Amino acid sequence: MTLEIAVAAALFVGVLAYALFAGADFGSGFFDLTAGGPSRGAEMRSLVDHSIGPVWEANHVWLIFCLVTWWTGFPRSFAAMTTTLFIPLALALAGIVLRGAAFAFRKYAPSLGQARLYGAVFAGSSLVTPFFLGTVAGAIASGRVPAEGYGDRWSSWLNPVSLFGGVIAVGTCAFLAGTFLCADAERTGHGGLIDTLRRRTLGVGVITGLVVFAALIPIRQDAPTLARGLERQAAPLIVISAIAGVTTLGLLWRRRFSPARITAVAAVATVISGWGVGQYPWLLVDQVRINDAGGARSTLIGLIIAVGCATVVVLPPLAGLYWFTQSEHLDEADAH
């Protein structure tokens, strides 16, 4: 394994972690948006706040890790990506900032009107952010980011593959969030929300699955390199993702919410891994291969050392944070 491949693998692990943890975080905005008016939706929004409150900022650790690793490890391809796709990237960044600010301000709004405004901004930006990040992934996967950068500002991400990527990103985030919220509602005694969450999550899961299969048509036509990868080396991962997704729907239907969280994570993780494996060995599809994109050797070695240190220093506290927020002891403390 070359240094470039090792750093790219660490980068993709960060992408996968951000998609899973931040995805479940962003997806909660869909349920906040569809909760209803101030009275009818109060319990749902309270559950959303309770579920994501302790961890929503921690999720950005993965985004920072991905950006810094790509920027320092593969600087030319990073420059090409940011110069071509600065519009969706800027819109995604605006969504992240507005979402965080609105989530914090809503708790201390002096009036109901302001609280509703902040709530709308929080919910809307929770959907906008993964959509634009999905269009970025679609632009890269369809080979629309030239190696020298400065590709077309609009058609690079306003195309069928990118738009499908954005819709799939929003759907998978909502599906993840709904599965986790069902389990949280059951664990924290919000029994009245379970049926509503269950129905909406099942609907989102079915629709997202259909969109994923529909996306294969434009991928075949517009992203042939990715399509070949999905049909060959990534095919087992796509099959596993489909099985895990159907299993999750079955568990939700049978109200087995705790195991449904595991299969939902497996479904999303394998479909994203399938995209990465299908794109290999390209960093920018049809433009730059991973082995040709690396920066200075000393920088790549430094990144490997930094990743090793982060694994020891950062991951245990993060794991403890996620475990504690899912612990019944925390719920008992909140009840008191």
C-alpha atoms as a PDB file:
ATOM      1  CA  MET A   1       0.000   0.000   0.000  1.00  0.00           C
ATOM      2  CA  THR A   2       1.377   3.398  -0.968  1.00  0.00           C
ATOM      3  CA  LEU A   3       1.362   6.414   1.316  1.00  0.00           C
ATOM      4  CA  GLU A   4      -1.189   8.058  -0.967  1.00  0.00           C
ATOM      5  CA  ILE A   5      -3.567   5.106  -0.668  1.00  0.00           C
ATOM      6  CA  ALA A   6      -3.149   5.023   3.118  1.00  0.00           C
ATOM      7  CA  VAL A   7      -3.973   8.723   3.472  1.00  0.00           C
ATOM      8  CA  ALA A   8      -6.880   8.403   1.037  1.00  0.00           C
ATOM      9  CA  ALA A   9      -8.229   5.483   3.085  1.00  0.00           C
ATOM     10  CA  ALA A  10      -8.062   7.598   6.263  1.00  0.00           C
ATOM     11  CA  LEU A  11      -9.786  10.421   4.405  1.00  0.00           C
ATOM     12  CA  PHE A  12     -12.585   8.121   3.290  1.00  0.00           C
ATOM     13  CA  VAL A  13     -13.061   6.812   6.833  1.00  0.00           C
ATOM     14  CA  GLY A  14     -13.592  10.442   7.863  1.00  0.00           C
ATOM     15  CA  VAL A  15     -16.109  10.926   5.041  1.00  0.00           C
ATOM     16  CA  LEU A  16     -17.940   7.786   6.130  1.00  0.00           C
ATOM     17  CA  ALA A  17     -18.000   8.864   9.785  1.00  0.00           C
ATOM     18  CA  TYR A  18     -19.285  12.323   8.874  1.00  0.00           C
ATOM     19  CA  ALA A  19     -21.975  10.850   6.650  1.00  0.00           C
ATOM     20  CA  LEU A  20     -23.200   8.583   9.448  1.00  0.00           C
ATOM     21  CA  PHE A  21     -22.944  10.774  12.536  1.00  0.00           C
ATOM     22  CA  ALA A  22     -23.665  14.154  10.987  1.00  0.00           C
ATOM     23  CA  GLY A  23     -26.168  12.510   8.645  1.00  0.00           C
ATOM     24  CA  ALA A  24     -28.309  11.348  11.551  1.00  0.00           C
ATOM     25  CA  ASP A  25     -27.915  14.852  12.999  1.00  0.00           C
ATOM     26  CA  PHE A  26     -28.939  16.668   9.809  1.00  0.00           C
ATOM     27  CA  GLY A  27     -31.809  14.279   9.188  1.00  0.00           C
ATOM     28  CA  SER A  28     -33.492  15.314  12.428  1.00  0.00           C
ATOM     29  CA  GLY A  29     -34.335  18.587  10.690  1.00  0.00           C
ATOM     30  CA  PHE A  30     -36.842  16.749   8.483  1.00  0.00           C
ATOM     31  CA  PHE A  31     -38.798  15.590  11.535  1.00  0.00           C
ATOM     32  CA  ASP A  32     -38.516  19.034  13.111  1.00  0.00           C
ATOM     33  CA  LEU A  33     -39.870  20.583   9.901  1.00  0.00           C
ATOM     34  CA  THR A  34     -42.801  18.163   9.666  1.00  0.00           C
ATOM     35  CA  ALA A  35     -43.633  18.173  13.393  1.00  0.00           C
ATOM     36  CA  GLY A  36     -46.534  20.601  13.045  1.00  0.00           C
ATOM     37  CA  GLY A  37     -47.485  23.821  14.808  1.00  0.00           C
ATOM     38  CA  PRO A  38     -46.122  25.065  18.151  1.00  0.00           C
ATOM     39  CA  SER A  39     -48.544  22.996  20.228  1.00  0.00           C
ATOM     40  CA  ARG A  40     -48.789  19.831  18.147  1.00  0.00           C
ATOM     41  CA  GLY A  41     -45.087  19.725  17.330  1.00  0.00           C
ATOM     42  CA  ALA A  42     -43.705  20.651  20.750  1.00  0.00           C
ATOM     43  CA  GLU A  43     -43.085  17.064  21.881  1.00  0.00           C
ATOM     44  CA  MET A  44     -41.383  16.102  18.610  1.00  0.00           C
ATOM     45  CA  ARG A  45     -39.088  19.126  18.735  1.00  0.00           C
ATOM     46  CA  SER A  46     -38.311  18.415  22.369  1.00  0.00           C
ATOM     47  CA  LEU A  47     -37.265  14.883  21.413  1.00  0.00           C
ATOM     48  CA  VAL A  48     -35.077  16.217  18.578  1.00  0.00           C
ATOM     49  CA  ASP A  49     -33.384  18.678  20.926  1.00  0.00           C
ATOM     50  CA  HIS A  50     -32.843  15.963  23.519  1.00  0.00           C
ATOM     51  CA  SER A  51     -31.399  13.532  20.962  1.00  0.00           C
ATOM     52  CA  ILE A  52     -28.935  15.789  19.148  1.00  0.00           C
ATOM     53  CA  GLY A  53     -28.200  18.389  21.826  1.00  0.00           C
ATOM     54  CA  PRO A  54     -25.143  16.708  23.408  1.00  0.00           C
ATOM     55  CA  VAL A  55     -23.463  15.667  20.118  1.00  0.00           C
ATOM     56  CA  TRP A  56     -24.375  18.063  17.307  1.00  0.00           C
ATOM     57  CA  GLU A  57     -21.162  20.090  17.568  1.00  0.00           C
ATOM     58  CA  ALA A  58     -18.968  16.994  17.955  1.00  0.00           C
ATOM     59  CA  ASN A  59     -20.008  15.813  14.496  1.00  0.00           C
ATOM     60  CA  HIS A  60     -18.074  18.638  12.847  1.00  0.00           C
ATOM     61  CA  VAL A  61     -14.833  17.029  14.039  1.00  0.00           C
ATOM     62  CA  TRP A  62     -15.195  14.655  11.088  1.00  0.00           C
ATOM     63  CA  LEU A  63     -15.777  17.459   8.585  1.00  0.00           C
ATOM     64  CA  ILE A  64     -12.704  19.345   9.782  1.00  0.00           C
ATOM     65  CA  PHE A  65     -10.675  16.146   9.627  1.00  0.00           C
ATOM     66  CA  CYS A  66     -11.764  15.492   6.028  1.00  0.00           C
ATOM     67  CA  LEU A  67     -11.057  19.023   4.825  1.00  0.00           C
ATOM     68  CA  VAL A  68      -7.641  19.271   6.482  1.00  0.00           C
ATOM     69  CA  THR A  69      -6.577  15.803   5.325  1.00  0.00           C
ATOM     70  CA  TRP A  70      -7.583  16.448   1.710  1.00  0.00           C
ATOM     71  CA  TRP A  71      -6.115  19.953   1.705  1.00  0.00           C
ATOM     72  CA  THR A  72      -2.720  18.927   3.069  1.00  0.00           C
ATOM     73  CA  GLY A  73      -2.471  15.409   1.626  1.00  0.00           C
ATOM     74  CA  PHE A  74      -3.751  16.101  -1.886  1.00  0.00           C
ATOM     75  CA  PRO A  75      -3.465  19.884  -2.295  1.00  0.00           C
ATOM     76  CA  ARG A  76      -3.824  20.176  -6.081  1.00  0.00           C
ATOM     77  CA  SER A  77      -6.964  18.079  -6.286  1.00  0.00           C
ATOM     78  CA  PHE A  78      -8.380  19.950  -3.283  1.00  0.00           C
ATOM     79  CA  ALA A  79      -7.754  23.250  -5.073  1.00  0.00           C
ATOM     80  CA  ALA A  80      -9.386  21.869  -8.221  1.00  0.00           C
ATOM     81  CA  MET A  81     -12.449  20.759  -6.271  1.00  0.00           C
ATOM     82  CA  THR A  82     -12.897  23.995  -4.338  1.00  0.00           C
ATOM     83  CA  THR A  83     -12.415  26.290  -7.341  1.00  0.00           C
ATOM     84  CA  THR A  84     -14.900  24.339  -9.469  1.00  0.00           C
ATOM     85  CA  LEU A  85     -17.497  23.628  -6.773  1.00  0.00           C
ATOM     86  CA  PHE A  86     -17.210  26.716  -4.601  1.00  0.00           C
ATOM     87  CA  ILE A  87     -20.915  27.570  -5.082  1.00  0.00           C
ATOM     88  CA  PRO A  88     -22.404  24.365  -3.560  1.00  0.00           C
ATOM     89  CA  LEU A  89     -19.607  24.290  -0.979  1.00  0.00           C
ATOM     90  CA  ALA A  90     -20.363  27.876   0.065  1.00  0.00           C
ATOM     91  CA  LEU A  91     -24.087  27.088   0.264  1.00  0.00           C
ATOM     92  CA  ALA A  92     -23.382  23.991   2.372  1.00  0.00           C
ATOM     93  CA  LEU A  93     -21.149  26.054   4.666  1.00  0.00           C
ATOM     94  CA  ALA A  94     -23.882  28.680   5.013  1.00  0.00           C
ATOM     95  CA  GLY A  95     -26.304  25.905   5.923  1.00  0.00           C
ATOM     96  CA  ILE A  96     -23.975  24.565   8.626  1.00  0.00           C
ATOM     97  CA  VAL A  97     -23.509  28.025  10.160  1.00  0.00           C
ATOM     98  CA  LEU A  98     -27.197  28.969  10.017  1.00  0.00           C
ATOM     99  CA  ARG A  99     -28.246  25.594  11.374  1.00  0.00           C
ATOM    100  CA  GLY A 100     -25.957  25.805  14.388  1.00  0.00           C
ATOM    101  CA  ALA A 101     -26.881  29.393  15.165  1.00  0.00           C
ATOM    102  CA  ALA A 102     -30.618  28.747  14.827  1.00  0.00           C
ATOM    103  CA  PHE A 103     -30.446  25.614  16.979  1.00  0.00           C
ATOM    104  CA  ALA A 104     -28.788  27.598  19.775  1.00  0.00           C
ATOM    105  CA  PHE A 105     -30.913  30.751  19.457  1.00  0.00           C
ATOM    106  CA  ARG A 106     -34.216  28.848  19.410  1.00  0.00           C
ATOM    107  CA  LYS A 107     -33.669  27.721  22.990  1.00  0.00           C
ATOM    108  CA  TYR A 108     -33.420  31.326  24.221  1.00  0.00           C
ATOM    109  CA  ALA A 109     -35.847  33.107  21.876  1.00  0.00           C
ATOM    110  CA  PRO A 110     -37.772  35.792  23.799  1.00  0.00           C
ATOM    111  CA  SER A 111     -40.997  35.245  21.821  1.00  0.00           C
ATOM    112  CA  LEU A 112     -42.873  32.449  20.100  1.00  0.00           C
ATOM    113  CA  GLY A 113     -42.511  34.190  16.739  1.00  0.00           C
ATOM    114  CA  GLN A 114     -38.741  34.296  16.982  1.00  0.00           C
ATOM    115  CA  ALA A 115     -38.618  30.698  18.167  1.00  0.00           C
ATOM    116  CA  ARG A 116     -40.635  29.639  15.104  1.00  0.00           C
ATOM    117  CA  LEU A 117     -38.325  31.635  12.828  1.00  0.00           C
ATOM    118  CA  TYR A 118     -35.214  30.042  14.300  1.00  0.00           C
ATOM    119  CA  GLY A 119     -36.888  26.649  14.109  1.00  0.00           C
ATOM    120  CA  ALA A 120     -37.645  27.123  10.414  1.00  0.00           C
ATOM    121  CA  VAL A 121     -34.041  28.155   9.733  1.00  0.00           C
ATOM    122  CA  PHE A 122     -32.761  25.142  11.679  1.00  0.00           C
ATOM    123  CA  ALA A 123     -35.006  22.688   9.839  1.00  0.00           C
ATOM    124  CA  GLY A 124     -34.461  24.212   6.399  1.00  0.00           C
ATOM    125  CA  SER A 125     -30.691  24.376   6.688  1.00  0.00           C
ATOM    126  CA  SER A 126     -30.651  20.786   8.002  1.00  0.00           C
ATOM    127  CA  LEU A 127     -32.016  19.712   4.611  1.00  0.00           C
ATOM    128  CA  VAL A 128     -30.103  22.188   2.458  1.00  0.00           C
ATOM    129  CA  THR A 129     -26.663  21.251   3.793  1.00  0.00           C
ATOM    130  CA  PRO A 130     -26.681  17.520   2.942  1.00  0.00           C
ATOM    131  CA  PHE A 131     -28.275  18.308  -0.418  1.00  0.00           C
ATOM    132  CA  PHE A 132     -25.411  20.535  -1.509  1.00  0.00           C
ATOM    133  CA  LEU A 133     -22.810  18.160  -0.104  1.00  0.00           C
ATOM    134  CA  GLY A 134     -24.478  15.412  -2.137  1.00  0.00           C
ATOM    135  CA  THR A 135     -24.226  17.510  -5.300  1.00  0.00           C
ATOM    136  CA  VAL A 136     -20.495  17.927  -4.640  1.00  0.00           C
ATOM    137  CA  ALA A 137     -20.089  14.138  -4.408  1.00  0.00           C
ATOM    138  CA  GLY A 138     -22.065  13.732  -7.620  1.00  0.00           C
ATOM    139  CA  ALA A 139     -19.932  16.281  -9.445  1.00  0.00           C
ATOM    140  CA  ILE A 140     -16.732  14.465  -8.466  1.00  0.00           C
ATOM    141  CA  ALA A 141     -18.168  11.033  -9.273  1.00  0.00           C
ATOM    142  CA  SER A 142     -19.316  12.116 -12.740  1.00  0.00           C
ATOM    143  CA  GLY A 143     -15.898  13.499 -13.677  1.00  0.00           C
ATOM    144  CA  ARG A 144     -16.900  17.149 -13.827  1.00  0.00           C
ATOM    145  CA  VAL A 145     -14.004  18.476 -11.743  1.00  0.00           C
ATOM    146  CA  PRO A 146     -11.016  18.981 -14.063  1.00  0.00           C
ATOM    147  CA  ALA A 147      -7.530  18.385 -12.692  1.00  0.00           C
ATOM    148  CA  GLU A 148      -6.521  22.011 -13.253  1.00  0.00           C
ATOM    149  CA  GLY A 149      -9.674  23.310 -11.548  1.00  0.00           C
ATOM    150  CA  TYR A 150     -11.945  26.106 -12.708  1.00  0.00           C
ATOM    151  CA  GLY A 151     -14.543  23.816 -14.227  1.00  0.00           C
ATOM    152  CA  ASP A 152     -17.962  25.112 -15.149  1.00  0.00           C
ATOM    153  CA  ARG A 153     -19.472  26.901 -12.139  1.00  0.00           C
ATOM    154  CA  TRP A 154     -23.011  25.645 -12.693  1.00  0.00           C
ATOM    155  CA  SER A 155     -23.168  22.523 -14.857  1.00  0.00           C
ATOM    156  CA  SER A 156     -20.523  20.867 -12.675  1.00  0.00           C
ATOM    157  CA  TRP A 157     -23.134  20.366  -9.948  1.00  0.00           C
ATOM    158  CA  LEU A 158     -26.440  21.128 -11.662  1.00  0.00           C
ATOM    159  CA  ASN A 159     -26.675  17.844 -13.561  1.00  0.00           C
ATOM    160  CA  PRO A 160     -28.694  14.624 -13.116  1.00  0.00           C
ATOM    161  CA  VAL A 161     -26.028  12.679 -11.196  1.00  0.00           C
ATOM    162  CA  SER A 162     -25.351  15.553  -8.796  1.00  0.00           C
ATOM    163  CA  LEU A 163     -29.028  16.313  -8.213  1.00  0.00           C
ATOM    164  CA  PHE A 164     -29.767  12.657  -7.539  1.00  0.00           C
ATOM    165  CA  GLY A 165     -26.791  12.655  -5.177  1.00  0.00           C
ATOM    166  CA  GLY A 166     -28.267  15.600  -3.291  1.00  0.00           C
ATOM    167  CA  VAL A 167     -31.704  14.003  -2.982  1.00  0.00           C
ATOM    168  CA  ILE A 168     -30.200  10.682  -1.866  1.00  0.00           C
ATOM    169  CA  ALA A 169     -28.093  12.484   0.751  1.00  0.00           C
ATOM    170  CA  VAL A 170     -31.186  14.180   2.203  1.00  0.00           C
ATOM    171  CA  GLY A 171     -33.159  10.930   2.165  1.00  0.00           C
ATOM    172  CA  THR A 172     -30.487   8.825   3.836  1.00  0.00           C
ATOM    173  CA  CYS A 173     -29.979  11.476   6.515  1.00  0.00           C
ATOM    174  CA  ALA A 174     -33.709  11.541   7.282  1.00  0.00           C
ATOM    175  CA  PHE A 175     -33.862   7.734   7.286  1.00  0.00           C
ATOM    176  CA  LEU A 176     -30.968   7.474   9.744  1.00  0.00           C
ATOM    177  CA  ALA A 177     -32.400  10.179  11.978  1.00  0.00           C
ATOM    178  CA  GLY A 178     -35.864   8.646  11.977  1.00  0.00           C
ATOM    179  CA  THR A 179     -34.538   5.229  12.959  1.00  0.00           C
ATOM    180  CA  PHE A 180     -32.567   6.675  15.853  1.00  0.00           C
ATOM    181  CA  LEU A 181     -35.435   8.921  16.940  1.00  0.00           C
ATOM    182  CA  CYS A 182     -37.788   5.935  17.076  1.00  0.00           C
ATOM    183  CA  ALA A 183     -35.409   4.215  19.480  1.00  0.00           C
ATOM    184  CA  ASP A 184     -34.960   7.431  21.478  1.00  0.00           C
ATOM    185  CA  ALA A 185     -38.723   7.930  21.730  1.00  0.00           C
ATOM    186  CA  GLU A 186     -39.177   4.405  23.030  1.00  0.00           C
ATOM    187  CA  ARG A 187     -36.311   4.711  25.518  1.00  0.00           C
ATOM    188  CA  THR A 188     -37.263   8.134  26.883  1.00  0.00           C
ATOM    189  CA  GLY A 189     -40.974   7.501  27.277  1.00  0.00           C
ATOM    190  CA  HIS A 190     -42.299   9.513  24.303  1.00  0.00           C
ATOM    191  CA  GLY A 191     -44.661   6.723  23.369  1.00  0.00           C
ATOM    192  CA  GLY A 192     -47.083   9.039  21.612  1.00  0.00           C
ATOM    193  CA  LEU A 193     -44.447   9.880  18.999  1.00  0.00           C
ATOM    194  CA  ILE A 194     -43.467   6.342  18.090  1.00  0.00           C
ATOM    195  CA  ASP A 195     -46.219   5.685  15.548  1.00  0.00           C
ATOM    196  CA  THR A 196     -45.702   9.032  13.819  1.00  0.00           C
ATOM    197  CA  LEU A 197     -41.930   8.593  13.643  1.00  0.00           C
ATOM    198  CA  ARG A 198     -42.274   5.003  12.509  1.00  0.00           C
ATOM    199  CA  ARG A 199     -44.647   5.829   9.643  1.00  0.00           C
ATOM    200  CA  ARG A 200     -42.558   8.746   8.407  1.00  0.00           C
ATOM    201  CA  THR A 201     -39.307   6.804   8.644  1.00  0.00           C
ATOM    202  CA  LEU A 202     -40.781   3.884   6.712  1.00  0.00           C
ATOM    203  CA  GLY A 203     -42.017   6.286   4.033  1.00  0.00           C
ATOM    204  CA  VAL A 204     -38.666   8.048   3.785  1.00  0.00           C
ATOM    205  CA  GLY A 205     -36.833   4.714   3.619  1.00  0.00           C
ATOM    206  CA  VAL A 206     -38.981   3.362   0.795  1.00  0.00           C
ATOM    207  CA  ILE A 207     -38.786   6.580  -1.227  1.00  0.00           C
ATOM    208  CA  THR A 208     -35.018   6.884  -0.742  1.00  0.00           C
ATOM    209  CA  GLY A 209     -34.506   3.280  -1.807  1.00  0.00           C
ATOM    210  CA  LEU A 210     -36.498   3.890  -4.993  1.00  0.00           C
ATOM    211  CA  VAL A 211     -34.498   7.052  -5.697  1.00  0.00           C
ATOM    212  CA  VAL A 212     -31.231   5.132  -5.273  1.00  0.00           C
ATOM    213  CA  PHE A 213     -32.292   2.596  -7.882  1.00  0.00           C
ATOM    214  CA  ALA A 214     -33.613   5.336 -10.175  1.00  0.00           C
ATOM    215  CA  ALA A 215     -30.240   7.079  -9.933  1.00  0.00           C
ATOM    216  CA  LEU A 216     -28.593   4.104 -11.650  1.00  0.00           C
ATOM    217  CA  ILE A 217     -30.024   5.308 -14.970  1.00  0.00           C
ATOM    218  CA  PRO A 218     -28.281   8.721 -15.063  1.00  0.00           C
ATOM    219  CA  ILE A 219     -25.155   7.167 -13.513  1.00  0.00           C
ATOM    220  CA  ARG A 220     -24.920   4.699 -16.404  1.00  0.00           C
ATOM    221  CA  GLN A 221     -25.372   7.494 -18.932  1.00  0.00           C
ATOM    222  CA  ASP A 222     -23.438  10.312 -17.293  1.00  0.00           C
ATOM    223  CA  ALA A 223     -20.868   8.637 -15.024  1.00  0.00           C
ATOM    224  CA  PRO A 224     -19.704   5.495 -16.882  1.00  0.00           C
ATOM    225  CA  THR A 225     -16.532   5.071 -14.820  1.00  0.00           C
ATOM    226  CA  LEU A 226     -18.493   5.010 -11.568  1.00  0.00           C
ATOM    227  CA  ALA A 227     -21.131   2.758 -13.141  1.00  0.00           C
ATOM    228  CA  ARG A 228     -18.505   0.177 -14.101  1.00  0.00           C
ATOM    229  CA  GLY A 229     -17.084   0.281 -10.590  1.00  0.00           C
ATOM    230  CA  LEU A 230     -20.513  -0.220  -9.041  1.00  0.00           C
ATOM    231  CA  GLU A 231     -21.182  -3.197 -11.315  1.00  0.00           C
ATOM    232  CA  ARG A 232     -17.811  -4.815 -10.590  1.00  0.00           C
ATOM    233  CA  GLN A 233     -15.768  -4.298  -7.432  1.00  0.00           C
ATOM    234  CA  ALA A 234     -18.495  -2.476  -5.482  1.00  0.00           C
ATOM    235  CA  ALA A 235     -21.350  -4.841  -6.386  1.00  0.00           C
ATOM    236  CA  PRO A 236     -21.168  -6.898  -3.130  1.00  0.00           C
ATOM    237  CA  LEU A 237     -21.403  -3.729  -1.038  1.00  0.00           C
ATOM    238  CA  ILE A 238     -24.450  -2.521  -2.985  1.00  0.00           C
ATOM    239  CA  VAL A 239     -26.166  -5.889  -2.476  1.00  0.00           C
ATOM    240  CA  ILE A 240     -25.384  -5.806   1.265  1.00  0.00           C
ATOM    241  CA  SER A 241     -26.738  -2.261   1.456  1.00  0.00           C
ATOM    242  CA  ALA A 242     -30.000  -3.310  -0.180  1.00  0.00           C
ATOM    243  CA  ILE A 243     -30.370  -6.271   2.191  1.00  0.00           C
ATOM    244  CA  ALA A 244     -29.606  -4.107   5.233  1.00  0.00           C
ATOM    245  CA  GLY A 245     -32.060  -1.453   4.073  1.00  0.00           C
ATOM    246  CA  VAL A 246     -34.894  -3.955   3.595  1.00  0.00           C
ATOM    247  CA  THR A 247     -34.050  -5.521   6.966  1.00  0.00           C
ATOM    248  CA  THR A 248     -34.255  -2.102   8.618  1.00  0.00           C
ATOM    249  CA  LEU A 249     -37.685  -1.503   7.122  1.00  0.00           C
ATOM    250  CA  GLY A 250     -38.820  -4.887   8.421  1.00  0.00           C
ATOM    251  CA  LEU A 251     -37.494  -4.182  11.909  1.00  0.00           C
ATOM    252  CA  LEU A 252     -39.208  -0.788  11.964  1.00  0.00           C
ATOM    253  CA  TRP A 253     -42.451  -2.400  10.841  1.00  0.00           C
ATOM    254  CA  ARG A 254     -42.150  -4.893  13.721  1.00  0.00           C
ATOM    255  CA  ARG A 255     -41.189  -2.108  16.164  1.00  0.00           C
ATOM    256  CA  ARG A 256     -37.718  -3.546  16.823  1.00  0.00           C
ATOM    257  CA  PHE A 257     -36.104  -0.143  17.027  1.00  0.00           C
ATOM    258  CA  SER A 258     -32.825  -0.969  18.772  1.00  0.00           C
ATOM    259  CA  PRO A 259     -31.586  -3.524  16.205  1.00  0.00           C
ATOM    260  CA  ALA A 260     -32.997  -1.313  13.430  1.00  0.00           C
ATOM    261  CA  ARG A 261     -30.379   1.303  14.324  1.00  0.00           C
ATOM    262  CA  ILE A 262     -27.600  -1.183  13.587  1.00  0.00           C
ATOM    263  CA  THR A 263     -29.005  -2.286  10.234  1.00  0.00           C
ATOM    264  CA  ALA A 264     -29.747   1.317   9.226  1.00  0.00           C
ATOM    265  CA  VAL A 265     -26.141   2.298   9.898  1.00  0.00           C
ATOM    266  CA  ALA A 266     -25.007  -0.779   7.948  1.00  0.00           C
ATOM    267  CA  ALA A 267     -27.234   0.136   4.987  1.00  0.00           C
ATOM    268  CA  VAL A 268     -25.940   3.695   4.757  1.00  0.00           C
ATOM    269  CA  ALA A 269     -22.320   2.748   5.472  1.00  0.00           C
ATOM    270  CA  THR A 270     -22.235   0.095   2.758  1.00  0.00           C
ATOM    271  CA  VAL A 271     -23.858   2.251   0.090  1.00  0.00           C
ATOM    272  CA  ILE A 272     -21.345   5.038   0.779  1.00  0.00           C
ATOM    273  CA  SER A 273     -18.512   2.512   0.844  1.00  0.00           C
ATOM    274  CA  GLY A 274     -19.802   1.181  -2.463  1.00  0.00           C
ATOM    275  CA  TRP A 275     -19.494   4.661  -3.942  1.00  0.00           C
ATOM    276  CA  GLY A 276     -15.916   4.930  -2.684  1.00  0.00           C
ATOM    277  CA  VAL A 277     -14.889   1.468  -3.864  1.00  0.00           C
ATOM    278  CA  GLY A 278     -16.643   2.002  -7.188  1.00  0.00           C
ATOM    279  CA  GLN A 279     -14.722   5.240  -7.723  1.00  0.00           C
ATOM    280  CA  TYR A 280     -11.325   3.681  -6.895  1.00  0.00           C
ATOM    281  CA  PRO A 281      -8.545   4.355  -7.994  1.00  0.00           C
ATOM    282  CA  TRP A 282      -9.712   7.861  -8.885  1.00  0.00           C
ATOM    283  CA  LEU A 283      -9.633  10.788  -6.473  1.00  0.00           C
ATOM    284  CA  LEU A 284     -11.240  13.032  -9.082  1.00  0.00           C
ATOM    285  CA  VAL A 285     -12.979  10.601 -11.417  1.00  0.00           C
ATOM    286  CA  ASP A 286     -11.487  10.442 -14.917  1.00  0.00           C
ATOM    287  CA  GLN A 287      -9.117  13.276 -13.973  1.00  0.00           C
ATOM    288  CA  VAL A 288      -6.703  12.427 -11.131  1.00  0.00           C
ATOM    289  CA  ARG A 289      -5.782   9.059  -9.641  1.00  0.00           C
ATOM    290  CA  ILE A 290      -5.014   8.751  -5.936  1.00  0.00           C
ATOM    291  CA  ASN A 291      -1.413   7.689  -6.476  1.00  0.00           C
ATOM    292  CA  ASP A 292      -0.799  10.709  -8.709  1.00  0.00           C
ATOM    293  CA  ALA A 293      -2.411  13.278  -6.418  1.00  0.00           C
ATOM    294  CA  GLY A 294      -0.312  13.093  -3.263  1.00  0.00           C
ATOM    295  CA  GLY A 295       1.542  16.041  -1.811  1.00  0.00           C
ATOM    296  CA  ALA A 296       5.023  15.989  -0.309  1.00  0.00           C
ATOM    297  CA  ARG A 297       6.118  12.656   1.130  1.00  0.00           C
ATOM    298  CA  SER A 298       6.937  14.251   4.497  1.00  0.00           C
ATOM    299  CA  THR A 299       3.409  15.682   4.649  1.00  0.00           C
ATOM    300  CA  LEU A 300       1.829  12.303   3.944  1.00  0.00           C
ATOM    301  CA  ILE A 301       3.943  10.675   6.661  1.00  0.00           C
ATOM    302  CA  GLY A 302       2.966  13.443   9.076  1.00  0.00           C
ATOM    303  CA  LEU A 303      -0.715  12.853   8.284  1.00  0.00           C
ATOM    304  CA  ILE A 304      -0.398   9.123   8.975  1.00  0.00           C
ATOM    305  CA  ILE A 305       1.211   9.898  12.349  1.00  0.00           C
ATOM    306  CA  ALA A 306      -1.489  12.482  13.129  1.00  0.00           C
ATOM    307  CA  VAL A 307      -4.251  10.000  12.276  1.00  0.00           C
ATOM    308  CA  GLY A 308      -2.637   7.439  14.595  1.00  0.00           C
ATOM    309  CA  CYS A 309      -2.468   9.974  17.428  1.00  0.00           C
ATOM    310  CA  ALA A 310      -6.064  11.062  16.842  1.00  0.00           C
ATOM    311  CA  THR A 311      -7.202   7.444  16.963  1.00  0.00           C
ATOM    312  CA  VAL A 312      -5.753   7.151  20.468  1.00  0.00           C
ATOM    313  CA  VAL A 313      -6.580  10.616  21.809  1.00  0.00           C
ATOM    314  CA  VAL A 314      -9.837  11.653  20.124  1.00  0.00           C
ATOM    315  CA  LEU A 315     -11.814   8.495  19.387  1.00  0.00           C
ATOM    316  CA  PRO A 316     -12.202   7.203  22.977  1.00  0.00           C
ATOM    317  CA  PRO A 317     -13.760  10.461  24.263  1.00  0.00           C
ATOM    318  CA  LEU A 318     -16.058  10.596  21.233  1.00  0.00           C
ATOM    319  CA  ALA A 319     -17.099   6.989  21.790  1.00  0.00           C
ATOM    320  CA  GLY A 320     -17.746   7.785  25.446  1.00  0.00           C
ATOM    321  CA  LEU A 321     -19.828  10.810  24.504  1.00  0.00           C
ATOM    322  CA  TYR A 322     -22.044   8.818  22.132  1.00  0.00           C
ATOM    323  CA  TRP A 323     -22.388   5.982  24.636  1.00  0.00           C
ATOM    324  CA  PHE A 324     -23.326   8.348  27.435  1.00  0.00           C
ATOM    325  CA  THR A 325     -25.978  10.126  25.368  1.00  0.00           C
ATOM    326  CA  GLN A 326     -27.581   6.753  24.595  1.00  0.00           C
ATOM    327  CA  SER A 327     -27.424   5.657  28.221  1.00  0.00           C
ATOM    328  CA  GLU A 328     -30.533   5.194  30.316  1.00  0.00           C
ATOM    329  CA  HIS A 329     -28.744   6.945  33.200  1.00  0.00           C
ATOM    330  CA  LEU A 330     -28.764  10.194  31.248  1.00  0.00           C
ATOM    331  CA  ASP A 331     -32.494   9.846  30.617  1.00  0.00           C
ATOM    332  CA  GLU A 332     -33.111   9.231  34.317  1.00  0.00           C
ATOM    333  CA  ALA A 333     -31.101  12.347  35.166  1.00  0.00           C
ATOM    334  CA  ASP A 334     -33.137  14.388  32.690  1.00  0.00           C
ATOM    335  CA  ALA A 335     -36.359  13.064  34.182  1.00  0.00           C
ATOM    336  CA  HIS A 336     -35.290  14.181  37.668  1.00  0.00           C
END
